[in-house]
């Protein structure tokens, strides 16, 4: 499956995978309705970086979660 196209379904998959990889307990942060498809490229960049990392330190994990918060709709 390709996640290159900015669709609502792909956005949901990206966010689910990010949540799993980052160990996000509060999944409300990752509700796809709170993200704009216009920011899909930003989310895809974060996703690709997180998924390609073998292991994330706690500070890296927090930084990525903070970045997710900054990309959410206001």
C-alpha atoms as a PDB file:
ATOM      1  CA  UNK A   1       0.000   0.000   0.000  1.00  0.00           C
ATOM      2  CA  UNK A   2       1.303   3.411  -0.952  1.00  0.00           C
ATOM      3  CA  UNK A   3       0.870   6.293   1.451  1.00  0.00           C
ATOM      4  CA  UNK A   4       2.044   8.888  -1.052  1.00  0.00           C
ATOM      5  CA  UNK A   5      -1.415  10.257  -1.862  1.00  0.00           C
ATOM      6  CA  UNK A   6      -2.998  12.687   0.628  1.00  0.00           C
ATOM      7  CA  UNK A   7      -6.291  10.931   1.321  1.00  0.00           C
ATOM      8  CA  UNK A   8      -8.271  10.734   4.546  1.00  0.00           C
ATOM      9  CA  UNK A   9      -7.703   6.976   4.661  1.00  0.00           C
ATOM     10  CA  UNK A  10      -3.931   7.379   4.240  1.00  0.00           C
ATOM     11  CA  UNK A  11      -3.924  10.073   6.900  1.00  0.00           C
ATOM     12  CA  UNK A  12      -5.629   7.687   9.308  1.00  0.00           C
ATOM     13  CA  UNK A  13      -3.071   4.962   8.551  1.00  0.00           C
ATOM     14  CA  UNK A  14      -0.144   7.369   9.017  1.00  0.00           C
ATOM     15  CA  UNK A  15      -1.454   8.518  12.365  1.00  0.00           C
ATOM     16  CA  UNK A  16      -2.173   4.973  13.581  1.00  0.00           C
ATOM     17  CA  UNK A  17       1.327   3.847  12.646  1.00  0.00           C
ATOM     18  CA  UNK A  18       2.870   6.897  14.294  1.00  0.00           C
ATOM     19  CA  UNK A  19       0.856   6.263  17.438  1.00  0.00           C
ATOM     20  CA  UNK A  20       1.974   2.646  17.565  1.00  0.00           C
ATOM     21  CA  UNK A  21       5.632   3.458  16.953  1.00  0.00           C
ATOM     22  CA  UNK A  22       5.708   6.367  19.395  1.00  0.00           C
ATOM     23  CA  UNK A  23       3.742   4.486  22.043  1.00  0.00           C
ATOM     24  CA  UNK A  24       1.066   7.174  22.305  1.00  0.00           C
ATOM     25  CA  UNK A  25      -1.399   6.143  25.007  1.00  0.00           C
ATOM     26  CA  UNK A  26      -3.835   9.024  24.455  1.00  0.00           C
ATOM     27  CA  UNK A  27      -5.041   8.293  20.929  1.00  0.00           C
ATOM     28  CA  UNK A  28      -7.267  11.381  20.938  1.00  0.00           C
ATOM     29  CA  UNK A  29      -4.128  13.256  19.844  1.00  0.00           C
ATOM     30  CA  UNK A  30      -4.161  11.132  16.685  1.00  0.00           C
ATOM     31  CA  UNK A  31      -7.755  11.562  15.517  1.00  0.00           C
ATOM     32  CA  UNK A  32      -7.488  12.121  11.780  1.00  0.00           C
ATOM     33  CA  UNK A  33     -10.353  14.636  11.906  1.00  0.00           C
ATOM     34  CA  UNK A  34      -8.031  16.971  13.807  1.00  0.00           C
ATOM     35  CA  UNK A  35      -5.524  17.122  10.958  1.00  0.00           C
ATOM     36  CA  UNK A  36      -5.777  18.999   7.689  1.00  0.00           C
ATOM     37  CA  UNK A  37      -4.941  17.165   4.466  1.00  0.00           C
ATOM     38  CA  UNK A  38      -3.066  20.306   3.419  1.00  0.00           C
ATOM     39  CA  UNK A  39      -0.460  19.336   6.050  1.00  0.00           C
ATOM     40  CA  UNK A  40      -0.233  15.742   4.791  1.00  0.00           C
ATOM     41  CA  UNK A  41       3.304  16.226   3.455  1.00  0.00           C
ATOM     42  CA  UNK A  42       4.472  17.360   6.895  1.00  0.00           C
ATOM     43  CA  UNK A  43       2.887  14.330   8.524  1.00  0.00           C
ATOM     44  CA  UNK A  44       4.297  12.006   5.875  1.00  0.00           C
ATOM     45  CA  UNK A  45       7.774  13.409   6.500  1.00  0.00           C
ATOM     46  CA  UNK A  46       7.405  12.774  10.251  1.00  0.00           C
ATOM     47  CA  UNK A  47       6.012   9.306   9.582  1.00  0.00           C
ATOM     48  CA  UNK A  48       8.847   8.336   7.258  1.00  0.00           C
ATOM     49  CA  UNK A  49      11.473   9.552   9.693  1.00  0.00           C
ATOM     50  CA  UNK A  50       9.937   7.810  12.708  1.00  0.00           C
ATOM     51  CA  UNK A  51       9.347   4.558  10.854  1.00  0.00           C
ATOM     52  CA  UNK A  52      12.886   4.457   9.469  1.00  0.00           C
ATOM     53  CA  UNK A  53      14.498   4.925  12.895  1.00  0.00           C
ATOM     54  CA  UNK A  54      15.581   1.719  14.581  1.00  0.00           C
ATOM     55  CA  UNK A  55      15.080   3.044  18.076  1.00  0.00           C
ATOM     56  CA  UNK A  56      13.881   6.386  19.383  1.00  0.00           C
ATOM     57  CA  UNK A  57      15.110   7.905  22.615  1.00  0.00           C
ATOM     58  CA  UNK A  58      12.521   9.259  25.049  1.00  0.00           C
ATOM     59  CA  UNK A  59      13.481  12.828  24.116  1.00  0.00           C
ATOM     60  CA  UNK A  60      13.063  12.049  20.398  1.00  0.00           C
ATOM     61  CA  UNK A  61       9.675  10.490  21.092  1.00  0.00           C
ATOM     62  CA  UNK A  62       8.543  13.588  22.993  1.00  0.00           C
ATOM     63  CA  UNK A  63       9.846  15.835  20.215  1.00  0.00           C
ATOM     64  CA  UNK A  64       7.857  13.934  17.585  1.00  0.00           C
ATOM     65  CA  UNK A  65       4.715  14.061  19.713  1.00  0.00           C
ATOM     66  CA  UNK A  66       5.186  17.810  20.156  1.00  0.00           C
ATOM     67  CA  UNK A  67       5.590  18.142  16.402  1.00  0.00           C
ATOM     68  CA  UNK A  68       2.343  16.230  15.878  1.00  0.00           C
ATOM     69  CA  UNK A  69       0.609  18.688  18.210  1.00  0.00           C
ATOM     70  CA  UNK A  70       1.938  21.591  16.166  1.00  0.00           C
ATOM     71  CA  UNK A  71       0.561  20.145  12.930  1.00  0.00           C
ATOM     72  CA  UNK A  72      -2.958  19.625  14.318  1.00  0.00           C
ATOM     73  CA  UNK A  73      -5.732  22.018  13.395  1.00  0.00           C
ATOM     74  CA  UNK A  74      -6.017  24.896  15.829  1.00  0.00           C
END
